[in-house]
Structure formats: structure tokens, C-alpha cells
Amino acid sequence: MASIRKKLREGGFTLVELMIVVAIVGVLAVLAIYGVRKYIANAKTAEAKNSLGQIGKDAVTAFEGERMKADILPAGGKAAVTRKICPPASTPVPPTIADVKGGKYQSKREEWSPPGDVTKNDGFPCLKFEMTAPQYYMYKYASDSPSGDLTTQGKTFTATAQGDLNGDGNPSTFTIKGEIPGGGDERLLVSPSIDELSPEE
């Protein structure tokens, strides 16, 4: 009987061993929570990166599309092919960053295609870009190429995605830029990477 009790006492855990196990489990739990939060944040920021990448491609596609002046040509006349950066969008989508603060926003189709922009072929209608899924970010498109101006040298565009994923009032900002270098170079060059400011905010 005494030997059985001795074996039972020897087979148990000491308080120190239990505390070590609890500490290890606690550390693993903290790491797991951090990893899950990081994964969720990266999944959300992927929206901004993918959308801005698509806007950059759309800007190049729109630039390469052939435009010509709408003047009537005289007999034997010739119309020169021109290229231009899409003019700026009149409004961001959604209208304010408060609309995406700590959540998602479901845009309406007319927000991407306001009548004025459609008529003048400016902004997002010129880019042929819109989002149908709920979004975490507010999107802006700006350029120094006004409507009707067919000059290209030195012109630039900037597309921006701003969000507030955790709803603390500090926005995260993603930006992609493009420009026509000038000096006779008629290509639209788009930045190879997206600039990030406080990406997980």
C-alpha cells in the first residue's frame, strides 16, 4: 500500500511545472492572436493594393487608346492620333473616409459614374474602373490633365486608397502614381510599387 502511494506522489506535477505549462500556453495564445490579426489586416490591405494596381493598368490602357480632335477634316486633311491621361474624378468613392471607418462600404454604381464625369469621360468612367463588392477603402483619382486638353508632356496622375480599418481615426493611405516623362517620350510610366503609409491603421 505504501509503495502505491509513493508511486502516485511521484507521478504528479509540481506547482512549478504547472506554472511553466500555463506560461507557455499563454505565450502561444498571444502569438496566435497576433498572427490572426496580422493575417486579417493583410487580407484587408490586399483590397487597396489590388485595386490601385488595377487603376494603374486601366490608366495605361486609357492612355494608349487613340483619341482625335473632333474637328471636320478638309479633303486631303489628316488627323493626328493623340494620347492623354484620364482627367481627374470629380468625387472620391465613397464621398468621405467616415463611410469606411471601422467597416465596409457598399458603393452605388452612379458613384463611380457621376453624370458629369460620364459626359466628359473623366475620372473613373475614363479609366473604366468601378467596384461592385463592399470596400474597406475610399478611392480617389487625381491628375493634372483637364478635360479637353490633349497635351501630354509632363502630365501626371495619382490614385489613392484611404481607410481606417480599426476605426481609431488614424487613416492608412496607399498611393500609386504615373507620369509622362516629357522630352519627346510619349509613354505613360507607372510606379512599380505602391506607396504605403500606416497600412494597418
Protein backbone atom coordinates (compact mmCIF):
# COMPACT_ATOMS: atom_id res chain seq x y z
CA MET A 1 0.00 0.00 0.00
CA ALA A 2 2.80 2.39 0.91
CA SER A 3 4.55 1.68 -2.42
CA ILE A 4 1.33 2.54 -4.36
CA ARG A 5 1.03 5.91 -2.57
CA LYS A 6 4.67 6.63 -3.27
CA LYS A 7 4.15 5.94 -6.98
CA LEU A 8 1.09 8.20 -7.10
CA ARG A 9 3.05 11.03 -5.47
CA GLU A 10 5.94 10.56 -7.90
CA GLY A 11 3.60 10.56 -10.93
CA GLY A 12 2.06 14.04 -10.24
CA PHE A 13 3.14 17.51 -11.41
CA THR A 14 4.66 20.11 -9.15
CA LEU A 15 3.28 23.63 -8.94
CA VAL A 16 6.35 25.00 -10.75
CA GLU A 17 5.81 22.60 -13.66
CA LEU A 18 2.15 23.59 -13.95
CA MET A 19 3.08 27.30 -13.92
CA ILE A 20 5.61 26.74 -16.71
CA VAL A 21 3.00 24.94 -18.82
CA VAL A 22 0.47 27.74 -18.23
CA ALA A 23 3.09 30.36 -19.18
CA ILE A 24 3.94 28.50 -22.41
CA VAL A 25 0.27 28.15 -23.34
CA GLY A 26 -0.21 31.88 -22.65
CA VAL A 27 2.72 32.86 -24.90
CA LEU A 28 1.45 30.61 -27.69
CA ALA A 29 -2.05 32.10 -27.37
CA VAL A 30 -0.67 35.65 -27.64
CA LEU A 31 1.37 34.71 -30.71
CA ALA A 32 -1.65 33.05 -32.29
CA ILE A 33 -3.86 36.10 -31.70
CA TYR A 34 -1.18 38.41 -33.14
CA GLY A 35 -0.79 36.14 -36.17
CA VAL A 36 -4.54 36.04 -36.81
CA ARG A 37 -4.81 39.85 -36.52
CA LYS A 38 -1.86 40.28 -38.89
CA TYR A 39 -3.43 37.87 -41.38
CA ILE A 40 -6.79 39.67 -41.26
CA ALA A 41 -5.11 43.08 -41.69
CA ASN A 42 -3.10 41.80 -44.67
CA ALA A 43 -6.25 40.38 -46.24
CA LYS A 44 -7.93 43.78 -45.92
CA THR A 45 -4.98 45.77 -47.27
CA ALA A 46 -4.84 43.41 -50.26
CA GLU A 47 -8.03 45.11 -51.48
CA ALA A 48 -6.31 48.51 -51.68
CA LYS A 49 -3.18 47.12 -53.35
CA ASN A 50 -5.12 45.09 -55.92
CA SER A 51 -7.48 47.96 -56.72
CA LEU A 52 -4.70 50.53 -57.14
CA GLY A 53 -2.74 48.08 -59.29
CA GLN A 54 -5.82 47.72 -61.49
CA ILE A 55 -6.27 51.51 -61.68
CA GLY A 56 -2.63 51.81 -62.80
CA LYS A 57 -3.23 49.28 -65.58
CA ASP A 58 -6.50 50.96 -66.55
CA ALA A 59 -4.74 54.34 -66.73
CA VAL A 60 -2.17 52.93 -69.16
CA THR A 61 -4.89 51.25 -71.25
CA ALA A 62 -6.89 54.52 -71.42
CA PHE A 63 -3.73 56.45 -72.31
CA GLU A 64 -2.90 54.08 -75.17
CA GLY A 65 -6.41 54.41 -76.60
CA GLU A 66 -6.41 56.61 -79.68
CA ARG A 67 -8.12 59.99 -79.44
CA MET A 68 -8.50 62.56 -82.18
CA LYS A 69 -9.87 66.08 -82.27
CA ALA A 70 -13.50 66.23 -83.32
CA ASP A 71 -12.87 68.90 -85.97
CA ILE A 72 -14.09 68.28 -89.50
CA LEU A 73 -11.17 67.46 -91.75
CA PRO A 74 -10.80 69.15 -95.11
CA ALA A 75 -10.38 67.00 -98.18
CA GLY A 76 -6.91 65.53 -98.12
CA GLY A 77 -6.53 66.52 -94.48
CA LYS A 78 -5.05 64.35 -91.75
CA ALA A 79 -5.97 63.91 -88.08
CA ALA A 80 -3.12 63.22 -85.71
CA VAL A 81 -3.54 60.49 -83.13
CA THR A 82 -3.21 61.86 -79.61
CA ARG A 83 -2.93 60.26 -76.19
CA LYS A 84 -3.79 61.74 -72.83
CA ILE A 85 -4.01 60.83 -69.16
CA CYS A 86 -7.57 60.49 -67.87
CA PRO A 87 -8.80 63.75 -66.28
CA PRO A 88 -9.46 63.74 -62.51
CA ALA A 89 -12.55 62.18 -60.93
CA SER A 90 -14.97 64.76 -59.58
CA THR A 91 -15.53 62.92 -56.28
CA PRO A 92 -13.92 60.08 -54.31
CA VAL A 93 -15.82 56.83 -53.67
CA PRO A 94 -17.21 56.80 -51.03
CA PRO A 95 -17.52 60.58 -50.53
CA THR A 96 -15.80 60.64 -47.11
CA ILE A 97 -13.42 58.40 -45.18
CA ALA A 98 -16.00 58.27 -42.37
CA ASP A 99 -18.02 55.94 -44.63
CA VAL A 100 -15.34 53.23 -44.31
CA LYS A 101 -14.30 53.93 -40.70
CA GLY A 102 -14.00 50.59 -38.93
CA GLY A 103 -16.10 48.76 -41.53
CA LYS A 104 -17.05 48.24 -45.15
CA TYR A 105 -18.98 50.42 -47.59
CA GLN A 106 -21.21 49.24 -50.43
CA SER A 107 -20.90 51.77 -53.23
CA LYS A 108 -23.60 52.59 -55.75
CA ARG A 109 -22.85 52.34 -59.45
CA GLU A 110 -23.60 56.05 -60.01
CA GLU A 111 -20.86 56.97 -57.51
CA TRP A 112 -18.29 55.55 -59.90
CA SER A 113 -20.04 57.13 -62.90
CA PRO A 114 -21.39 60.59 -61.99
CA PRO A 115 -23.22 62.16 -64.98
CA GLY A 116 -20.67 64.99 -65.36
CA ASP A 117 -17.73 62.58 -65.45
CA VAL A 118 -19.53 60.30 -67.89
CA THR A 119 -20.36 63.21 -70.25
CA LYS A 120 -16.77 64.48 -70.27
CA ASN A 121 -15.20 61.00 -70.00
CA ASP A 122 -13.32 61.98 -66.85
CA GLY A 123 -12.14 60.07 -63.80
CA PHE A 124 -13.35 56.55 -63.16
CA PRO A 125 -15.52 56.36 -66.33
CA CYS A 126 -12.43 57.22 -68.40
CA LEU A 127 -10.48 54.52 -66.54
CA LYS A 128 -13.44 52.12 -66.86
CA PHE A 129 -12.90 51.25 -63.19
CA GLU A 130 -15.55 50.51 -60.58
CA MET A 131 -16.00 48.20 -57.60
CA THR A 132 -19.11 46.11 -57.07
CA ALA A 133 -18.08 44.37 -53.84
CA PRO A 134 -18.16 46.11 -50.43
CA GLN A 135 -14.94 48.04 -49.84
CA TYR A 136 -12.70 48.90 -46.87
CA TYR A 137 -11.18 51.95 -48.57
CA MET A 138 -12.11 55.30 -50.08
CA TYR A 139 -10.68 55.71 -53.60
CA LYS A 140 -9.55 58.96 -55.21
CA TYR A 141 -8.19 59.62 -58.68
CA ALA A 142 -6.45 62.92 -59.47
CA SER A 143 -4.50 64.15 -62.48
CA ASP A 144 -3.25 67.42 -63.91
CA SER A 145 -4.79 66.63 -67.30
CA PRO A 146 -8.02 68.67 -67.51
CA SER A 147 -10.98 67.76 -69.69
CA GLY A 148 -10.48 68.58 -73.36
CA ASP A 149 -6.74 69.17 -73.00
CA LEU A 150 -4.83 66.90 -75.36
CA THR A 151 -1.35 67.98 -74.30
CA THR A 152 0.61 65.20 -72.64
CA GLN A 153 4.16 66.30 -71.85
CA GLY A 154 4.92 66.19 -68.13
CA LYS A 155 1.37 65.24 -67.13
CA THR A 156 0.84 63.04 -64.05
CA PHE A 157 -1.85 61.09 -62.21
CA THR A 158 -2.20 59.91 -58.60
CA ALA A 159 -4.60 57.23 -57.37
CA THR A 160 -5.13 56.90 -53.62
CA ALA A 161 -6.86 54.43 -51.30
CA GLN A 162 -7.54 55.60 -47.75
CA GLY A 163 -9.02 53.51 -44.97
CA ASP A 164 -9.47 53.31 -41.22
CA LEU A 165 -9.57 49.58 -40.54
CA ASN A 166 -9.57 49.77 -36.74
CA GLY A 167 -11.79 52.86 -36.57
CA ASP A 168 -9.37 54.90 -34.41
CA GLY A 169 -9.44 57.99 -36.64
CA ASN A 170 -5.89 57.47 -37.95
CA PRO A 171 -6.14 56.64 -41.67
CA SER A 172 -3.99 54.28 -43.69
CA THR A 173 -3.01 55.52 -47.14
CA PHE A 174 -1.91 53.67 -50.28
CA THR A 175 -0.79 55.59 -53.37
CA ILE A 176 0.21 54.78 -56.93
CA LYS A 177 1.49 57.39 -59.39
CA GLY A 178 2.09 57.72 -63.08
CA GLU A 179 3.66 60.33 -65.34
CA ILE A 180 4.65 61.12 -68.89
CA PRO A 181 8.37 61.96 -68.68
CA GLY A 182 8.42 64.63 -71.37
CA GLY A 183 11.31 65.39 -73.69
CA GLY A 184 9.53 63.63 -76.53
CA ASP A 185 8.89 60.45 -74.52
CA GLU A 186 5.18 59.73 -75.08
CA ARG A 187 4.88 56.76 -72.72
CA LEU A 188 2.86 56.75 -69.50
CA LEU A 189 5.15 55.35 -66.82
CA VAL A 190 3.51 53.93 -63.69
CA SER A 191 5.37 53.46 -60.41
CA PRO A 192 6.44 49.82 -59.95
CA SER A 193 5.30 49.71 -56.32
CA ILE A 194 2.53 51.15 -54.17
CA ASP A 195 3.49 53.67 -51.51
CA GLU A 196 2.12 52.71 -48.07
CA LEU A 197 1.57 54.95 -45.05
CA SER A 198 0.36 53.32 -41.79
CA PRO A 199 -1.00 50.32 -43.75
CA GLU A 200 -2.58 48.54 -40.77
CA GLU A 201 -4.44 51.55 -39.31
